[in-house]
Protein backbone atom coordinates (compact mmCIF):
# COMPACT_ATOMS: atom_id res chain seq x y z
CA MET A 1 9.72 -59.06 23.30
CA ILE A 2 8.24 -58.53 19.81
CA TRP A 3 4.87 -58.29 20.77
CA LEU A 4 5.61 -55.49 23.29
CA ILE A 5 7.52 -53.63 20.39
CA LEU A 6 4.19 -54.03 18.13
CA ILE A 7 1.95 -52.56 21.18
CA ALA A 8 4.29 -49.66 21.45
CA VAL A 9 3.91 -49.15 17.76
CA ILE A 10 0.37 -49.27 17.58
CA ILE A 11 -0.11 -46.88 20.78
CA ILE A 12 2.38 -44.59 19.18
CA LEU A 13 0.29 -44.79 15.88
CA ILE A 14 -2.86 -44.19 17.64
CA VAL A 15 -1.77 -40.94 19.67
CA ALA A 16 -0.28 -39.60 16.32
CA PHE A 17 -3.76 -40.11 14.61
CA VAL A 18 -5.63 -38.56 17.50
CA TRP A 19 -3.47 -35.52 17.54
CA LEU A 20 -3.39 -34.89 13.79
CA TRP A 21 -7.41 -35.24 13.99
CA GLN A 22 -7.72 -32.80 16.95
CA SER A 23 -5.28 -30.20 15.02
CA LYS A 24 -7.59 -30.53 11.97
CA LYS A 25 -10.66 -30.04 14.14
CA THR A 26 -9.17 -26.82 15.87
CA GLU A 27 -8.02 -25.46 12.43
CA SER A 28 -11.40 -26.13 10.83
CA SER A 29 -13.41 -24.47 13.72
CA ALA A 30 -11.11 -21.49 13.97
CA PRO A 31 -13.18 -18.46 12.66
CA ALA A 32 -11.96 -16.73 9.46
CA GLU A 33 -10.23 -13.54 9.60
CA GLU A 34 -12.52 -10.80 8.83
CA LEU A 35 -11.97 -8.36 6.29
CA ASP A 36 -11.35 -4.48 7.61
CA LEU A 37 -11.26 -2.20 4.58
CA ASN A 38 -10.75 0.58 7.16
CA ARG A 39 -7.21 -0.34 7.42
CA LEU A 40 -6.85 0.72 3.65
CA ASP A 41 -5.13 4.07 2.75
CA VAL A 42 -3.11 5.90 0.07
CA GLY A 43 -0.16 3.64 -1.05
CA GLY A 44 -1.93 0.55 -0.15
CA VAL A 45 -2.60 -2.66 -2.52
CA VAL A 46 -5.83 -4.63 -2.57
CA LEU A 47 -6.65 -7.78 -4.56
CA ILE A 48 -10.14 -7.99 -6.12
CA GLN A 49 -11.10 -11.32 -7.64
CA SER A 50 -7.26 -11.93 -7.73
CA ILE A 51 -6.58 -8.56 -9.67
CA GLU A 52 -4.33 -6.29 -8.24
CA TYR A 53 -4.92 -2.61 -7.61
CA PHE A 54 -3.12 0.32 -6.23
CA VAL A 55 -5.02 2.91 -3.58
CA GLU A 56 -4.37 6.28 -5.10
CA GLN A 57 -6.91 8.14 -3.02
CA LYS A 58 -9.10 7.65 0.23
CA ASN A 59 -12.60 9.92 0.41
CA ARG A 60 -15.14 10.10 3.37
CA TYR A 61 -18.58 10.87 2.97
CA ALA A 62 -21.22 11.67 5.94
CA SER A 63 -24.66 12.27 6.02
CA ASN A 64 -27.24 12.03 8.83
CA GLY A 65 -25.06 10.22 11.07
CA GLU A 66 -24.09 7.82 8.39
CA GLU A 67 -20.44 7.33 7.19
CA TRP A 68 -18.94 5.71 4.49
CA PHE A 69 -15.69 5.79 2.65
CA GLU A 70 -14.29 5.16 -1.03
CA LEU A 71 -10.98 4.43 -2.36
CA LYS A 72 -9.82 5.25 -5.98
CA LEU A 73 -8.12 2.31 -7.27
CA SER A 74 -5.73 2.12 -10.27
CA GLY A 75 -5.32 -1.16 -12.13
CA MET A 76 -2.51 -2.77 -14.50
CA GLU A 77 -4.20 -0.99 -17.39
CA GLY A 78 -4.72 2.40 -15.90
CA GLU A 79 -8.43 2.40 -15.74
CA ALA A 80 -9.71 4.02 -12.27
CA SER A 81 -12.04 2.18 -10.09
CA TRP A 82 -13.77 2.95 -6.75
CA LEU A 83 -14.39 0.65 -4.04
CA GLY A 84 -16.78 1.90 -1.57
CA TRP A 85 -18.16 0.75 1.87
CA GLN A 86 -20.26 2.01 4.76
CA THR A 87 -18.91 1.90 8.20
CA ASP A 88 -21.97 1.14 10.29
CA ILE A 89 -22.69 -1.98 8.00
CA PRO A 90 -19.90 -4.68 8.65
CA VAL A 91 -18.87 -5.75 5.25
CA ASN A 92 -18.74 -9.41 6.65
CA GLU A 93 -22.45 -9.40 8.04
CA ASN A 94 -24.41 -10.68 5.51
CA PRO A 95 -22.38 -12.58 2.35
CA THR A 96 -25.66 -13.08 0.47
CA PHE A 97 -26.13 -9.41 0.37
CA PRO A 98 -22.96 -7.68 0.22
CA SER A 99 -22.54 -4.07 0.74
CA ILE A 100 -19.20 -3.41 -0.73
CA THR A 101 -19.24 -1.75 -4.31
CA LEU A 102 -16.57 -1.45 -7.09
CA MET A 103 -17.54 1.43 -9.54
CA GLN A 104 -16.36 2.93 -12.52
CA GLU A 105 -17.29 6.46 -13.90
CA THR A 106 -19.46 6.79 -16.97
CA ASP A 107 -21.19 9.46 -18.76
CA PHE A 108 -23.98 10.68 -17.10
CA ASP A 109 -25.76 11.17 -20.62
CA GLN A 110 -25.45 7.49 -20.97
CA LEU A 111 -28.31 6.87 -18.49
CA ASN A 112 -30.97 8.69 -20.41
CA LEU A 113 -32.21 10.08 -17.35
CA SER A 114 -33.47 13.82 -16.88
CA SER A 115 -33.11 16.07 -14.07
CA GLU A 116 -37.02 16.37 -13.96
CA GLU A 117 -36.94 12.25 -13.56
CA LEU A 118 -34.62 12.35 -10.68
CA ALA A 119 -36.32 15.33 -9.12
CA GLN A 120 -39.65 13.09 -9.17
CA PHE A 121 -37.61 10.32 -7.84
CA SER A 122 -36.62 12.24 -4.82
CA GLN A 123 -40.14 13.30 -4.13
CA ASP A 124 -41.75 9.96 -4.22
CA GLN A 125 -38.43 8.42 -2.65
CA SER A 126 -39.07 5.33 -5.50
CA GLY A 127 -38.39 5.29 -8.93
CA ARG A 128 -36.88 2.76 -11.74
CA PHE A 129 -35.47 2.90 -14.99
CA ASP A 130 -33.70 0.90 -17.72
CA TYR A 131 -29.96 0.81 -18.56
CA GLY A 132 -28.20 -2.14 -20.41
CA GLU A 133 -30.06 -5.24 -19.81
CA ALA A 134 -31.34 -4.75 -16.18
CA ILE A 135 -33.60 -2.49 -14.59
CA TYR A 136 -32.58 -0.37 -11.57
CA TYR A 137 -34.88 0.83 -8.72
CA LEU A 138 -34.14 3.90 -6.53
CA ARG A 139 -32.46 2.36 -3.11
CA ARG A 140 -32.20 5.88 -1.64
CA SER A 141 -31.56 9.34 -2.19
CA GLY A 142 -30.49 12.53 -0.40
CA GLU A 143 -27.92 15.39 0.66
CA ASP A 144 -24.46 14.09 1.38
CA CYS A 145 -21.09 15.67 2.13
CA LEU A 146 -17.64 14.72 0.49
CA TYR A 147 -14.17 15.25 2.46
CA GLU A 148 -12.14 14.57 -0.25
CA ASN A 149 -8.53 12.72 0.84
CA CYS A 150 -10.41 12.97 4.36
CA HIS A 151 -10.01 16.55 5.14
CA ALA A 152 -12.22 18.18 7.53
CA ARG A 153 -13.54 20.53 5.18
CA GLY A 154 -16.22 18.90 3.06
CA GLN A 155 -18.35 19.79 -0.18
CA SER A 156 -22.39 18.90 -0.58
CA PHE A 157 -23.98 17.51 -3.13
CA TYR A 158 -27.36 15.60 -3.74
CA PHE A 159 -27.29 11.69 -4.85
CA TRP A 160 -29.61 8.93 -5.84
CA ASP A 161 -28.24 5.28 -5.39
CA PHE A 162 -29.84 2.52 -7.65
CA GLU A 163 -29.57 -1.46 -7.68
CA ASP A 164 -31.01 -4.04 -9.71
CA GLU A 165 -33.54 -6.36 -8.34
CA GLU A 166 -30.94 -9.27 -8.05
CA HIS A 167 -28.85 -6.89 -5.82
CA GLU A 168 -25.72 -7.24 -8.16
CA LYS A 169 -25.36 -4.15 -9.97
CA VAL A 170 -25.52 -0.57 -8.88
CA ILE A 171 -25.61 2.96 -10.24
CA SER A 172 -25.11 6.10 -8.56
CA VAL A 173 -25.81 9.70 -9.49
CA GLN A 174 -24.31 12.91 -7.99
CA GLN A 175 -25.61 16.42 -8.73
CA TRP A 176 -22.97 18.96 -7.97
CA GLY A 177 -24.69 22.46 -8.32
CA GLN A 178 -27.56 23.09 -10.32
CA HIS A 179 -27.08 21.60 -13.64
CA SER A 180 -23.88 19.08 -12.98
CA TYR A 181 -24.28 15.56 -12.78
CA GLU A 182 -21.80 12.74 -12.63
CA ALA A 183 -22.62 8.93 -12.80
CA SER A 184 -21.04 5.61 -11.67
CA VAL A 185 -21.84 2.23 -12.62
CA GLY A 186 -20.71 -1.24 -10.94
CA ARG A 187 -21.52 -3.86 -9.03
CA PHE A 188 -21.63 -5.24 -5.28
CA ILE A 189 -18.60 -7.47 -4.29
CA ARG A 190 -18.48 -10.16 -1.55
CA PRO A 191 -15.79 -9.81 1.17
CA SER A 192 -14.38 -13.33 -0.06
CA GLU A 193 -13.56 -11.34 -3.26
CA VAL A 194 -11.25 -8.80 -1.84
CA ASP A 195 -7.84 -9.56 -0.14
CA ILE A 196 -5.82 -6.81 1.39
CA TYR A 197 -2.24 -7.24 0.35
CA SER A 198 -0.89 -4.23 1.91
CA THR A 199 -2.34 -1.17 3.82
CA SER A 200 -0.43 2.00 3.17
CA GLY A 201 2.85 0.95 1.43
CA SER A 202 3.90 -1.69 3.77
CA ILE A 203 2.86 -5.61 3.48
CA SER A 204 0.13 -6.41 6.06
């Protein structure tokens, strides 16, 4: 009688072990949820490297069939940041070369770039300059259109995008009108560094 009970207990333990093993295998093989920044809108909350930001504004850019968005973010200290991504490049596609940028505005004069240099960069579609402790290379330049707050009517401008050799740091320069320049500096961030807490005022 006792040996029958022992056999039953052993069978139960084996079944439980197999069930737990299959559950862990299924869980580990399940694909991770992909980051979808397009869901974010004004009023949303996003965590970047565990730092909380509130979405204050959403802008759309479009040029030559390409489209990308940027979010104006405000942190706990009140400093504005801009989170940007291109819609035709999946943000989860290549973790080694992320396409999401986190930028802060800076004074254009701090870059020590002249309008003549920028014009030459555009003509050559190539160029480089030093800023801080890095060398930045022209990635692309051209005309673009800003649709502020995603409105239907846009405003045209010219831009230059630069990045360092390690594909870590980025600088963007925009020309509004003949002699008005704006600049932003920042870095690329990986999808794993971003967590959407709420999309537009409601917890997702």
